[in-house]
Amino acid sequence: MKTPRSAFGGARHARRLRLVAAVVASLAPHVGIAQIARLSFPASVHAGPITGRAFLFVARTDKQEPRRQAGSFRASEPFFAVDVSAMKPGESVTIDPTTLGFPLASLDRLPAGDYFVQGMLLPYTQFARADGHTIWAHMDAGEGQRFNASPGSLLSEVQKVHIDPARKTVVTLSLTKVLPPVPRPEETQWVKRVRMTSKLASAFWNHPMPIGAVVLLPKGYDENPTRRYPVVYTVGHFSERAPFGFTFENCDAPETAEAKAARLARTAREPGCEFQKAWTSGAVPEVIAVFIQHTTPFYDDSYVLNSANNGPYGDAITKELIPEIDTRFRTVAAPYARVLTGGSTGGWDVLALQTHYPDVFGGAWSLYPDQLDFRNYQFGNIYADSNAFTVADGSWLPRDIPSSRSVEGLTDLTVREENQAEMVIASHGRSGGQWDGWAAAWAPVGSDGYPQSPWDKRTGGIDRSVAESMRARGYDLRDYVERNWSTIGPKLVGKLHVAVGDMDNYFLNLGVYRFETFLESTKEPGKGPYFAGTIEYGRPLKPHGWQPWTNQELLQIMKRHIERNAPVP
C-alpha cells in the first residue's frame, strides 16, 4: 500500500522538529546543571581584606599558565571575572554561568573536554581624589597595566579538570601564591633611568604617582663633560626598553634575508641591534634620546594631556619631568632642541604635546597615530552615529563595526568583541584596555567617579554628550588644531609630520586623511599660515607599524630640522 504523500511530509516534519529541539538543547544553558569555580585565599598569603577583581582562566593546553593564554583578544583562551569587595581570608567568591566571560560569554558554553584552570585575584587601591570622588582602581606596579601579570596578584596552582556540560562541575581554587615584583633593569654606560614622584599627579590622586624616563646617552657623552645635546623625546605604551629599540640582546644572530624581506614589507624600521651598532659607533646624530613613562591607574599611558579622570599629566610631563631631565643631563634646554616621535598611542601623544604645548617642543614626527579626528573613532563617527557596535543604516542586514582588520581588509576583531573583553577584565572602565584607556584620558568623570564611556559597553548606544565634551576639551586633535589655528598655527609651521600605512590595521589612516585635509587647507587665502609639514602614506597594503625611514634616517631628518631652527649666534 502506498503511504499517503501527506504522511511522508508529516514524518519529515516531526523528525525536523526533534532535530531542531536537540540542537537548541545542546546550545542552551543547562537548567539545573552548572559549572562553578570557587576562589579563596588563606591568611598566610594575604591578611586581607581585598577589594579587586577575581578571575577564572580556562585553557585547552598547559603550554603556559592559563592566565598567560588570556588577554590577547583574537587568540585568547576563555576567562571569566567578577568584582570582590573587602574579601577576607577564608571567604570564597563564586564564578558561575551568570558570570560574564570572553570569548565565551558563559561557563556553560564550554564544550565537554579536559581543561587547565587557574584562579587569580587582582587587588585594587582606594583613591580619595582631589575632585571629591573616591574610587577603587589598579595601581600599576611596573608591569604596564597588564591585568594578568600584575605584581601583588594572588594566584592558584594550575589544575586539570574535566568539564561535561551534562554534569555539574565544582572547582575549588585556593590562591596560595603572590606574583613577585617586576625586576628593575640596571643602568649601563648607555642607558640611564629617571624615577620621580609627580607632585601634580599625586595631589590629584591623593596618592604618590610616579613618572619617569629611560634615557639613552650618545657616544662621547662622558668624554665631553661641557657639551650639551638636543633631546629626542619618544612616547608610547609603558616599557623599560631603551628608545628606538636600542639593545645588546641576541645581537650575535644576524637578521636572515627572509626576515629582512618580511620586515621591509611592513616597515623600514631597522632591528634594535642594528640601531645599537650605529648609535654606539657614532654613526647617527649625537642626541640624547628619552622615553617617557607615565602610567595611570586606568591605562599604561596617560595620553600626555591634562585629563578629568587621569589628572594633570600634560603639566606633569612638561613642568616636572622635562625640567628634571634638563637638570640631570646636559641637554640643550630650549624648545627648538626638543623634538618628539612615537607610534600608535605614542603617535597621538606626540601630536598632542606639540599642538597643546607648542612653546615647549620644536617638532613632532607622528607614526600611525591613534584617531586624530573623532569622526573616525577608529572606524565610526561618535558625533553622528547612534551605535558604536553596528552600522544601523535602515537595511535588513546591519553589520558589526570592525575594530581591526588584516591588510587585505578581513575583519579581525569587532568593536563589540573588544568591549566585551574589557568588561570581563574590569567594570567601571578599569580594564586597562584600549577603549577604556581612551575614555579615561578624554571623557568626563561620571557621577560615580569613574570615566564616562562614550557608549554603553553592552549595547553600543552612543552618548553624544560625552563625545561633545571630548571635543570641547581639545582631544579631537584635528578639531582642536582647526579651531585654534590662528593662535597656534604660527608656532607649528614646519613642525607637524605624520606617516601611516594605507591599510592601517586599526583604520587610523582615516583620521590622518581628515587631519591632512585641514592642514592642506591652510594654503588657502585667509587660512594661513601654511602648515609646511609632511604627511606620508605607505602604499600598497602597509599595516599598523609602518614607517618610511629607518630610525637612523629619522634622526638625520630631526638633526637637520633642529639645525634649521636653531637661533642664529
Protein backbone atom coordinates (compact mmCIF):
# COMPACT_ATOMS: atom_id res chain seq x y z
CA MET A 1 0.00 0.00 0.00
CA LYS A 2 1.28 3.43 -0.84
CA THR A 3 1.96 5.76 2.01
CA PRO A 4 -0.03 8.97 1.53
CA ARG A 5 2.14 11.94 0.48
CA SER A 6 1.00 13.89 3.49
CA ALA A 7 2.28 11.14 5.78
CA PHE A 8 5.80 11.47 4.37
CA GLY A 9 5.58 15.23 4.92
CA GLY A 10 4.35 14.73 8.47
CA ALA A 11 7.13 12.28 9.29
CA ARG A 12 9.81 14.54 7.90
CA HIS A 13 8.33 17.49 9.81
CA ALA A 14 8.36 15.56 13.06
CA ARG A 15 11.96 14.48 12.53
CA ARG A 16 12.93 18.10 11.80
CA LEU A 17 11.25 19.25 15.00
CA ARG A 18 13.09 16.61 17.03
CA LEU A 19 16.40 17.57 15.40
CA VAL A 20 15.85 21.30 15.99
CA ALA A 21 14.91 20.65 19.60
CA ALA A 22 18.07 18.60 20.13
CA VAL A 23 20.25 21.30 18.61
CA VAL A 24 18.62 24.04 20.66
CA ALA A 25 19.02 21.97 23.80
CA SER A 26 22.70 21.44 23.07
CA LEU A 27 23.30 25.18 22.64
CA ALA A 28 21.19 26.48 25.52
CA PRO A 29 22.47 26.69 29.11
CA HIS A 30 21.61 23.54 31.06
CA VAL A 31 18.89 24.24 33.56
CA GLY A 32 19.88 22.98 36.98
CA ILE A 33 23.37 21.95 35.81
CA ALA A 34 26.25 24.38 36.16
CA GLN A 35 29.98 24.73 36.01
CA ILE A 36 31.14 26.57 39.14
CA ALA A 37 34.50 27.75 40.44
CA ARG A 38 35.08 28.93 43.99
CA LEU A 39 38.15 31.03 44.76
CA SER A 40 39.55 31.81 48.21
CA PHE A 41 42.86 32.75 49.82
CA PRO A 42 44.42 31.88 53.19
CA ALA A 43 45.56 34.44 55.76
CA SER A 44 49.12 33.19 55.33
CA VAL A 45 49.13 34.65 51.81
CA HIS A 46 47.32 37.93 52.47
CA ALA A 47 45.84 39.37 55.65
CA GLY A 48 43.03 40.99 53.68
CA PRO A 49 40.55 42.38 53.18
CA ILE A 50 40.93 42.74 49.39
CA THR A 51 38.80 44.79 47.03
CA GLY A 52 39.53 43.97 43.43
CA ARG A 53 38.69 41.58 40.61
CA ALA A 54 38.57 37.75 40.76
CA PHE A 55 39.37 35.76 37.61
CA LEU A 56 38.96 32.21 36.39
CA PHE A 57 41.19 31.31 33.44
CA VAL A 58 40.45 28.23 31.34
CA ALA A 59 42.85 26.85 28.73
CA ARG A 60 42.92 23.83 26.46
CA THR A 61 46.67 23.30 26.82
CA ASP A 62 49.30 23.78 29.50
CA LYS A 63 51.90 25.32 27.20
CA GLN A 64 51.68 28.35 29.51
CA GLU A 65 49.79 29.16 32.67
CA PRO A 66 46.14 29.74 31.74
CA ARG A 67 46.36 33.41 32.81
CA ARG A 68 49.08 33.95 30.21
CA GLN A 69 46.89 32.49 27.48
CA ALA A 70 44.21 35.13 28.11
CA GLY A 71 44.02 38.77 27.12
CA SER A 72 45.37 38.67 23.56
CA PHE A 73 41.82 39.06 22.37
CA ARG A 74 41.93 37.40 18.95
CA ALA A 75 43.74 34.34 20.29
CA SER A 76 42.52 34.44 23.89
CA GLU A 77 41.55 31.35 25.79
CA PRO A 78 38.36 31.79 27.88
CA PHE A 79 38.39 33.79 31.09
CA PHE A 80 35.64 34.94 33.46
CA ALA A 81 35.70 37.56 36.19
CA VAL A 82 33.72 39.29 38.93
CA ASP A 83 34.33 42.17 41.35
CA VAL A 84 35.03 41.48 45.01
CA SER A 85 34.66 43.93 47.87
CA ALA A 86 36.53 43.66 51.18
CA MET A 87 37.07 39.93 50.68
CA LYS A 88 38.60 38.30 53.77
CA PRO A 89 40.86 35.25 54.12
CA GLY A 90 38.83 32.06 54.04
CA GLU A 91 35.90 33.67 52.28
CA SER A 92 35.15 32.47 48.77
CA VAL A 93 33.95 34.13 45.61
CA THR A 94 31.93 32.15 43.11
CA ILE A 95 32.26 32.25 39.34
CA ASP A 96 29.33 30.52 37.66
CA PRO A 97 27.31 30.65 34.42
CA THR A 98 25.92 34.08 35.35
CA THR A 99 29.48 35.50 35.33
CA LEU A 100 30.41 37.28 32.11
CA GLY A 101 33.29 35.82 30.14
CA PHE A 102 35.32 36.24 26.98
CA PRO A 103 35.48 34.97 24.27
CA LEU A 104 32.76 32.67 25.60
CA ALA A 105 30.07 34.67 27.35
CA SER A 106 29.36 31.97 29.91
CA LEU A 107 30.95 28.93 31.52
CA ASP A 108 28.00 26.93 30.16
CA ARG A 109 29.36 27.46 26.66
CA LEU A 110 32.45 25.35 27.33
CA PRO A 111 32.24 22.12 25.33
CA ALA A 112 32.95 18.84 27.06
CA GLY A 113 36.63 18.12 27.50
CA ASP A 114 39.74 18.38 29.61
CA TYR A 115 40.89 21.87 30.61
CA PHE A 116 43.60 23.56 32.65
CA VAL A 117 42.18 26.14 35.05
CA GLN A 118 43.68 28.82 37.26
CA GLY A 119 42.29 31.43 39.64
CA MET A 120 43.60 34.94 40.25
CA LEU A 121 42.69 37.91 42.43
CA LEU A 122 43.85 41.37 41.30
CA PRO A 123 43.86 43.83 44.23
CA TYR A 124 42.73 47.43 43.76
CA THR A 125 43.84 50.56 45.59
CA GLN A 126 41.44 53.09 47.07
CA PHE A 127 41.96 56.67 45.86
CA ALA A 128 40.28 59.62 47.58
CA ARG A 129 40.87 62.05 44.74
CA ALA A 130 41.10 65.82 44.90
CA ASP A 131 37.96 66.12 42.74
CA GLY A 132 35.91 64.73 45.64
CA HIS A 133 35.44 61.23 44.22
CA THR A 134 36.64 58.11 46.00
CA ILE A 135 37.24 55.18 43.66
CA TRP A 136 38.99 51.82 43.54
CA ALA A 137 41.41 51.09 40.70
CA HIS A 138 44.52 49.10 39.95
CA MET A 139 47.72 50.92 40.89
CA ASP A 140 50.26 49.95 38.27
CA ALA A 141 53.22 48.10 39.78
CA GLY A 142 55.70 48.41 36.95
CA GLU A 143 54.02 45.90 34.65
CA GLY A 144 52.28 48.43 32.41
CA GLN A 145 48.66 47.73 33.45
CA ARG A 146 48.76 44.08 32.34
CA PHE A 147 45.82 42.70 34.28
CA ASN A 148 47.06 39.08 34.15
CA ALA A 149 50.65 39.85 35.18
CA SER A 150 50.46 42.45 37.94
CA PRO A 151 52.75 42.09 40.96
CA GLY A 152 50.80 41.53 44.16
CA SER A 153 48.08 39.49 42.46
CA LEU A 154 47.09 36.27 44.22
CA LEU A 155 47.28 33.08 42.13
CA SER A 156 46.25 29.46 42.42
CA GLU A 157 48.14 26.46 41.16
CA VAL A 158 47.01 25.20 37.77
CA GLN A 159 44.51 22.33 37.94
CA LYS A 160 43.47 19.92 35.22
CA VAL A 161 39.72 19.30 35.23
CA HIS A 162 37.19 17.52 33.06
CA ILE A 163 34.13 19.52 32.17
CA ASP A 164 30.96 17.88 30.92
CA PRO A 165 28.00 20.16 30.12
CA ALA A 166 25.67 17.35 31.18
CA ARG A 167 27.12 17.22 34.69
CA LYS A 168 27.66 19.77 37.42
CA THR A 169 31.33 20.55 37.98
CA VAL A 170 32.58 22.45 41.03
CA VAL A 171 36.23 23.54 41.01
CA THR A 172 37.80 24.83 44.23
CA LEU A 173 40.87 27.01 43.78
CA SER A 174 43.00 28.25 46.67
CA LEU A 175 45.05 31.33 45.86
CA THR A 176 48.29 30.37 47.57
CA LYS A 177 50.86 32.33 45.53
CA VAL A 178 51.60 36.03 45.08
CA LEU A 179 53.10 37.43 41.88
CA PRO A 180 56.51 38.94 42.72
CA PRO A 181 57.68 42.48 41.88
CA VAL A 182 58.89 43.20 38.37
CA PRO A 183 62.71 43.15 38.28
CA ARG A 184 64.14 46.60 37.67
CA PRO A 185 66.66 46.78 34.82
CA GLU A 186 70.10 48.03 35.75
CA GLU A 187 71.67 51.16 34.38
CA THR A 188 74.58 50.92 31.94
CA GLN A 189 77.06 53.24 30.31
CA TRP A 190 74.45 54.00 27.67
CA VAL A 191 71.09 53.64 29.42
CA LYS A 192 70.07 55.66 32.48
CA ARG A 193 66.77 55.81 34.34
CA VAL A 194 64.81 58.63 35.91
CA ARG A 195 62.14 57.91 38.52
CA MET A 196 60.35 60.66 40.35
CA THR A 197 57.07 61.33 42.10
CA SER A 198 54.89 63.85 40.32
CA LYS A 199 53.65 66.43 42.78
CA LEU A 200 50.89 67.48 40.40
CA ALA A 201 49.53 63.99 39.66
CA SER A 202 49.96 62.92 43.29
CA ALA A 203 47.93 65.89 44.52
CA PHE A 204 45.10 64.91 42.16
CA TRP A 205 45.09 61.23 43.17
CA ASN A 206 45.95 61.89 46.84
CA HIS A 207 48.47 59.10 46.39
CA PRO A 208 52.13 59.04 45.29
CA MET A 209 52.13 58.85 41.48
CA PRO A 210 55.40 58.07 39.69
CA ILE A 211 56.55 59.37 36.35
CA GLY A 212 59.87 58.54 34.77
CA ALA A 213 62.06 58.07 31.75
CA VAL A 214 64.54 55.74 30.09
CA VAL A 215 67.45 57.87 28.86
CA LEU A 216 69.82 56.83 26.08
CA LEU A 217 73.10 58.75 26.10
CA PRO A 218 75.12 59.43 22.93
CA LYS A 219 78.62 58.25 22.16
CA GLY A 220 81.18 60.52 23.84
CA TYR A 221 78.80 61.84 26.50
CA ASP A 222 81.17 61.09 29.40
CA GLU A 223 84.25 62.16 27.46
CA ASN A 224 82.84 65.61 26.65
CA PRO A 225 81.63 66.99 30.01
CA THR A 226 80.97 70.52 28.73
CA ARG A 227 78.98 69.58 25.64
CA ARG A 228 75.19 69.89 25.54
CA TYR A 229 72.88 67.85 23.35
CA PRO A 230 69.45 68.20 21.73
CA VAL A 231 66.80 65.79 23.04
CA VAL A 232 64.55 63.44 21.10
CA TYR A 233 61.56 62.53 23.27
CA THR A 234 59.85 59.25 22.41
CA VAL A 235 56.41 58.43 23.80
CA GLY A 236 54.18 55.36 23.82
CA HIS A 237 52.99 52.37 25.80
CA PHE A 238 54.88 51.70 29.01
CA SER A 239 58.21 49.99 28.58
CA GLU A 240 61.56 49.67 30.33
CA ARG A 241 63.32 49.31 26.98
CA ALA A 242 65.68 51.98 25.72
CA PRO A 243 64.44 54.34 22.97
CA PHE A 244 64.44 53.20 19.33
CA GLY A 245 64.75 49.54 20.32
CA PHE A 246 68.41 50.01 21.36
CA THR A 247 69.65 46.67 22.69
CA PHE A 248 72.64 44.38 23.06
CA GLU A 249 70.46 41.28 23.49
CA ASN A 250 70.62 38.49 20.92
CA CYS A 251 72.82 40.54 18.64
CA ASP A 252 75.02 37.57 17.72
CA ALA A 253 72.34 36.21 15.40
CA PRO A 254 72.15 38.41 12.27
CA GLU A 255 68.84 39.06 10.57
CA THR A 256 68.20 36.48 7.86
CA ALA A 257 67.42 37.51 4.30
CA GLU A 258 63.90 36.10 4.68
CA ALA A 259 63.28 38.01 7.91
CA LYS A 260 64.60 41.22 6.39
CA ALA A 261 62.34 40.87 3.35
CA ALA A 262 59.32 40.27 5.60
CA ARG A 263 60.22 43.27 7.74
CA LEU A 264 60.70 45.60 4.80
CA ALA A 265 57.27 44.60 3.52
CA ARG A 266 55.91 46.10 6.73
CA THR A 267 58.30 48.92 7.69
CA ALA A 268 61.72 50.42 7.04
CA ARG A 269 62.45 50.48 10.78
CA GLU A 270 65.63 48.52 11.48
CA PRO A 271 66.14 45.91 14.23
CA GLY A 272 67.27 47.15 17.63
CA CYS A 273 70.70 45.52 17.34
CA GLU A 274 71.37 47.27 14.05
CA PHE A 275 70.35 50.60 15.58
CA GLN A 276 72.54 49.94 18.63
CA LYS A 277 75.60 49.34 16.46
CA ALA A 278 75.03 52.63 14.65
CA TRP A 279 74.42 54.50 17.95
CA THR A 280 77.47 53.15 19.79
CA SER A 281 79.75 53.72 16.80
CA GLY A 282 78.70 57.37 16.47
CA ALA A 283 77.18 56.80 13.01
CA VAL A 284 74.00 58.65 13.97
CA PRO A 285 73.49 62.25 15.13
CA GLU A 286 74.63 62.74 18.71
CA VAL A 287 71.48 63.47 20.69
CA ILE A 288 70.02 62.38 24.00
CA ALA A 289 67.04 60.09 23.46
CA VAL A 290 64.39 59.90 26.19
CA PHE A 291 61.43 57.51 26.51
CA ILE A 292 58.72 58.94 28.77
CA GLN A 293 56.98 56.67 31.34
CA HIS A 294 53.59 57.90 32.56
CA THR A 295 51.23 55.12 33.60
CA THR A 296 47.96 55.90 35.38
CA PRO A 297 45.53 53.76 37.43
CA PHE A 298 43.45 53.42 34.25
CA TYR A 299 45.99 52.79 31.48
CA ASP A 300 49.69 52.34 30.79
CA ASP A 301 49.84 55.72 29.01
CA SER A 302 48.27 58.96 30.25
CA TYR A 303 47.80 60.32 26.73
CA VAL A 304 50.03 63.19 27.88
CA LEU A 305 47.35 65.87 28.36
CA ASN A 306 45.56 67.10 31.46
CA SER A 307 42.53 64.90 32.00
CA ALA A 308 39.44 64.92 34.16
CA ASN A 309 39.96 61.24 35.06
CA ASN A 310 43.73 60.78 34.87
CA GLY A 311 44.77 64.12 36.31
CA PRO A 312 47.24 66.77 35.11
CA TYR A 313 49.70 64.60 33.20
CA GLY A 314 50.32 67.19 30.49
CA ASP A 315 51.58 69.60 33.12
CA ALA A 316 53.39 66.82 34.99
CA ILE A 317 55.38 65.93 31.86
CA THR A 318 56.14 69.47 30.70
CA LYS A 319 56.59 71.19 34.09
CA GLU A 320 58.11 68.41 36.18
CA LEU A 321 59.64 65.61 34.12
CA ILE A 322 61.25 67.63 31.33
CA PRO A 323 62.83 70.14 33.75
CA GLU A 324 64.15 67.16 35.71
CA ILE A 325 65.70 65.73 32.53
CA ASP A 326 67.26 69.12 31.81
CA THR A 327 68.68 69.22 35.34
CA ARG A 328 70.14 65.71 35.42
CA PHE A 329 71.56 65.61 31.90
CA ARG A 330 73.42 68.04 29.68
CA THR A 331 70.55 68.95 27.40
CA VAL A 332 70.04 71.98 25.23
CA ALA A 333 67.10 73.17 27.32
CA ALA A 334 65.33 75.09 24.58
CA PRO A 335 62.16 74.31 22.56
CA TYR A 336 63.95 74.19 19.18
CA ALA A 337 66.20 71.40 20.53
CA ARG A 338 63.32 69.24 21.86
CA VAL A 339 61.68 67.06 19.21
CA LEU A 340 59.17 64.25 19.54
CA THR A 341 58.39 60.92 17.96
CA GLY A 342 56.19 57.93 18.74
CA GLY A 343 53.93 55.38 17.11
CA SER A 344 50.27 54.39 17.57
CA THR A 345 49.33 55.67 21.04
CA GLY A 346 52.68 57.45 21.01
CA GLY A 347 51.88 58.89 17.58
CA TRP A 348 48.82 60.60 19.04
CA ASP A 349 50.78 61.61 22.13
CA VAL A 350 53.49 63.49 20.25
CA LEU A 351 50.97 65.48 18.18
CA ALA A 352 49.03 66.27 21.37
CA LEU A 353 52.17 67.55 23.10
CA GLN A 354 53.29 69.56 20.08
CA THR A 355 49.89 71.19 19.46
CA HIS A 356 48.86 71.75 23.09
CA TYR A 357 52.34 72.80 24.24
CA PRO A 358 53.75 74.49 21.12
CA ASP A 359 56.14 76.63 23.16
CA VAL A 360 57.79 73.58 24.75
CA PHE A 361 58.64 71.44 21.71
CA GLY A 362 60.20 72.11 18.32
CA GLY A 363 58.75 69.40 16.09
CA ALA A 364 56.81 66.11 16.09
CA TRP A 365 57.16 63.01 13.90
CA SER A 366 53.95 61.06 14.46
CA LEU A 367 53.81 57.45 13.27
CA TYR A 368 50.48 55.65 12.65
CA PRO A 369 48.75 57.77 15.34
CA ASP A 370 45.55 56.93 17.19
CA GLN A 371 42.48 58.70 15.84
CA LEU A 372 43.28 62.31 15.01
CA ASP A 373 39.65 63.07 14.14
CA PHE A 374 36.80 61.60 16.19
CA ARG A 375 34.63 61.42 13.08
CA ASN A 376 36.75 58.32 12.61
CA TYR A 377 36.96 56.95 16.14
CA GLN A 378 38.98 54.19 14.56
CA PHE A 379 36.06 53.49 12.21
CA GLY A 380 32.81 55.03 13.42
CA ASN A 381 31.76 58.66 13.88
CA ILE A 382 30.96 59.25 17.56
CA TYR A 383 29.43 62.66 16.80
CA ALA A 384 26.84 61.37 14.31
CA ASP A 385 26.43 57.61 14.72
CA SER A 386 23.86 56.18 17.11
CA ASN A 387 25.68 52.93 17.87
CA ALA A 388 29.37 52.04 18.22
CA PHE A 389 28.87 48.33 17.55
CA THR A 390 26.69 48.18 14.45
CA VAL A 391 26.13 50.13 11.27
CA ALA A 392 22.42 50.92 11.52
CA ASP A 393 21.57 52.20 8.04
CA GLY A 394 17.96 51.05 7.96
CA SER A 395 18.71 47.91 5.97
CA TRP A 396 17.70 44.41 6.95
CA LEU A 397 21.36 43.45 7.15
CA PRO A 398 23.04 45.51 9.90
CA ARG A 399 26.79 44.98 10.13
CA ASP A 400 29.04 44.80 13.16
CA ILE A 401 31.64 47.59 13.06
CA PRO A 402 35.20 46.27 12.79
CA SER A 403 37.87 47.35 15.23
CA SER A 404 40.83 45.77 13.46
CA ARG A 405 41.48 44.17 10.08
CA SER A 406 44.14 42.41 8.08
CA VAL A 407 45.96 44.40 5.40
CA GLU A 408 43.74 42.58 2.89
CA GLY A 409 40.67 44.03 4.64
CA LEU A 410 39.40 40.97 6.52
CA THR A 411 37.86 41.83 9.89
CA ASP A 412 39.99 40.59 12.77
CA LEU A 413 38.02 41.85 15.79
CA THR A 414 34.89 43.96 16.17
CA VAL A 415 34.28 46.89 18.49
CA ARG A 416 31.62 44.81 20.25
CA GLU A 417 34.06 41.95 20.90
CA GLU A 418 36.79 44.17 22.29
CA ASN A 419 34.36 45.98 24.58
CA GLN A 420 33.07 42.65 25.89
CA ALA A 421 36.64 41.61 26.68
CA GLU A 422 37.23 44.87 28.54
CA MET A 423 34.05 44.39 30.57
CA VAL A 424 35.32 40.98 31.68
CA ILE A 425 38.73 42.35 32.64
CA ALA A 426 37.15 45.10 34.78
CA SER A 427 34.00 47.05 35.47
CA HIS A 428 33.76 50.86 35.52
CA GLY A 429 36.28 51.38 32.71
CA ARG A 430 39.21 49.97 34.73
CA SER A 431 40.32 47.26 32.29
CA GLY A 432 43.49 48.95 31.10
CA GLY A 433 42.24 48.16 27.59
CA GLN A 434 42.30 50.49 24.62
CA TRP A 435 38.68 51.70 24.58
CA ASP A 436 38.67 52.19 28.35
CA GLY A 437 42.05 53.92 28.11
CA TRP A 438 40.67 56.48 25.68
CA ALA A 439 37.63 57.11 27.88
CA ALA A 440 39.86 57.63 30.92
CA ALA A 441 42.04 60.10 29.02
CA TRP A 442 39.39 62.06 27.15
CA ALA A 443 35.91 61.58 28.62
CA PRO A 444 34.34 63.44 31.56
CA VAL A 445 34.06 61.95 35.04
CA GLY A 446 30.83 60.11 35.74
CA SER A 447 28.67 60.65 38.79
CA ASP A 448 30.26 57.54 40.36
CA GLY A 449 33.76 58.94 39.93
CA TYR A 450 34.73 56.62 37.08
CA PRO A 451 35.18 57.61 33.42
CA GLN A 452 32.04 58.04 31.36
CA SER A 453 32.21 55.76 28.34
CA PRO A 454 31.21 57.37 25.01
CA TRP A 455 28.79 54.43 24.65
CA ASP A 456 27.00 51.74 26.60
CA LYS A 457 29.54 48.91 26.64
CA ARG A 458 26.80 46.27 26.49
CA THR A 459 24.60 47.70 23.75
CA GLY A 460 26.90 50.12 21.93
CA GLY A 461 24.44 53.03 22.21
CA ILE A 462 26.45 56.25 21.84
CA ASP A 463 26.14 59.13 24.32
CA ARG A 464 26.84 62.14 22.12
CA SER A 465 27.12 64.45 25.10
CA VAL A 466 30.27 62.55 26.11
CA ALA A 467 31.61 62.85 22.57
CA GLU A 468 30.96 66.59 22.51
CA SER A 469 32.69 67.01 25.88
CA MET A 470 35.74 65.22 24.50
CA ARG A 471 35.76 67.54 21.50
CA ALA A 472 35.32 70.68 23.61
CA ARG A 473 38.34 69.79 25.75
CA GLY A 474 40.61 69.54 22.72
CA TYR A 475 41.20 65.80 22.49
CA ASP A 476 39.94 65.61 18.89
CA LEU A 477 43.24 66.96 17.59
CA ARG A 478 42.05 67.86 14.10
CA ASP A 479 39.17 69.83 15.57
CA TYR A 480 41.43 71.45 18.20
CA VAL A 481 44.07 72.49 15.68
CA GLU A 482 41.48 73.83 13.23
CA ARG A 483 39.63 75.85 15.89
CA ASN A 484 42.85 77.33 17.24
CA TRP A 485 44.94 77.64 14.08
CA SER A 486 45.00 81.43 14.09
CA THR A 487 46.71 81.30 17.51
CA ILE A 488 48.83 78.14 17.42
CA GLY A 489 49.37 77.84 13.66
CA PRO A 490 52.27 80.32 13.52
CA LYS A 491 54.02 78.26 16.24
CA LEU A 492 53.54 74.98 14.34
CA VAL A 493 54.80 75.85 10.88
CA GLY A 494 57.10 73.07 9.68
CA LYS A 495 56.68 71.09 12.91
CA LEU A 496 53.92 68.55 12.14
CA HIS A 497 54.94 65.34 10.37
CA VAL A 498 52.75 62.21 10.08
CA ALA A 499 53.32 58.79 8.50
CA VAL A 500 50.74 55.99 8.29
CA GLY A 501 50.12 52.87 6.24
CA ASP A 502 47.29 52.94 3.71
CA MET A 503 45.83 49.76 5.24
CA ASP A 504 46.48 50.51 8.90
CA ASN A 505 45.06 47.55 10.81
CA TYR A 506 43.03 49.86 13.08
CA PHE A 507 41.74 52.23 10.36
CA LEU A 508 43.94 55.00 11.72
CA ASN A 509 44.73 56.22 8.19
CA LEU A 510 41.15 57.53 8.04
CA GLY A 511 41.79 60.10 10.77
CA VAL A 512 45.09 61.08 9.13
CA TYR A 513 43.25 61.80 5.86
CA ARG A 514 40.95 64.20 7.69
CA PHE A 515 43.86 65.82 9.55
CA GLU A 516 45.69 66.32 6.27
CA THR A 517 42.61 67.84 4.63
CA PHE A 518 42.60 70.63 7.19
CA LEU A 519 46.37 71.14 7.20
CA GLU A 520 46.49 71.43 3.43
CA SER A 521 43.59 73.90 3.53
CA THR A 522 45.88 76.35 5.35
CA LYS A 523 47.32 77.14 1.89
CA GLU A 524 44.08 78.93 1.05
CA PRO A 525 43.91 82.73 1.34
CA GLY A 526 42.94 83.84 4.83
CA LYS A 527 43.52 80.43 6.43
CA GLY A 528 47.28 80.60 6.86
CA PRO A 529 49.95 80.24 7.76
CA TYR A 530 50.53 77.10 5.70
CA PHE A 531 51.49 74.22 7.97
CA ALA A 532 54.55 73.35 5.84
CA GLY A 533 54.93 69.87 7.35
CA THR A 534 54.69 66.42 5.79
CA ILE A 535 52.09 63.66 5.56
CA GLU A 536 53.27 60.32 4.15
CA TYR A 537 51.24 57.21 3.31
CA GLY A 538 52.67 53.73 2.92
CA ARG A 539 51.36 52.05 -0.23
CA PRO A 540 50.33 49.43 -1.09
CA LEU A 541 48.98 47.39 1.82
CA LYS A 542 51.16 48.88 4.55
CA PRO A 543 49.93 47.95 8.04
CA HIS A 544 49.92 49.44 11.51
CA GLY A 545 53.56 49.89 12.45
CA TRP A 546 54.72 51.17 9.07
CA GLN A 547 57.25 53.99 8.91
CA PRO A 548 59.05 55.22 5.77
CA TRP A 549 62.58 55.52 7.18
CA THR A 550 64.94 53.69 9.45
CA ASN A 551 65.37 55.20 12.89
CA GLN A 552 68.85 56.26 11.84
CA GLU A 553 67.37 58.17 8.90
CA LEU A 554 64.74 59.70 11.17
CA LEU A 555 67.44 61.05 13.46
CA GLN A 556 69.19 62.60 10.47
CA ILE A 557 65.91 64.29 9.48
CA MET A 558 65.47 65.58 13.03
CA LYS A 559 69.06 66.84 13.15
CA ARG A 560 68.56 68.94 10.01
CA HIS A 561 65.29 70.27 11.42
CA ILE A 562 66.95 71.29 14.69
CA GLU A 563 69.81 72.97 12.88
CA ARG A 564 67.41 74.97 10.68
CA ASN A 565 65.52 76.22 13.71
CA ALA A 566 68.47 76.94 15.97
CA PRO A 567 68.85 80.60 16.93
CA VAL A 568 71.47 82.50 14.97
CA PRO A 569 74.57 83.06 17.16
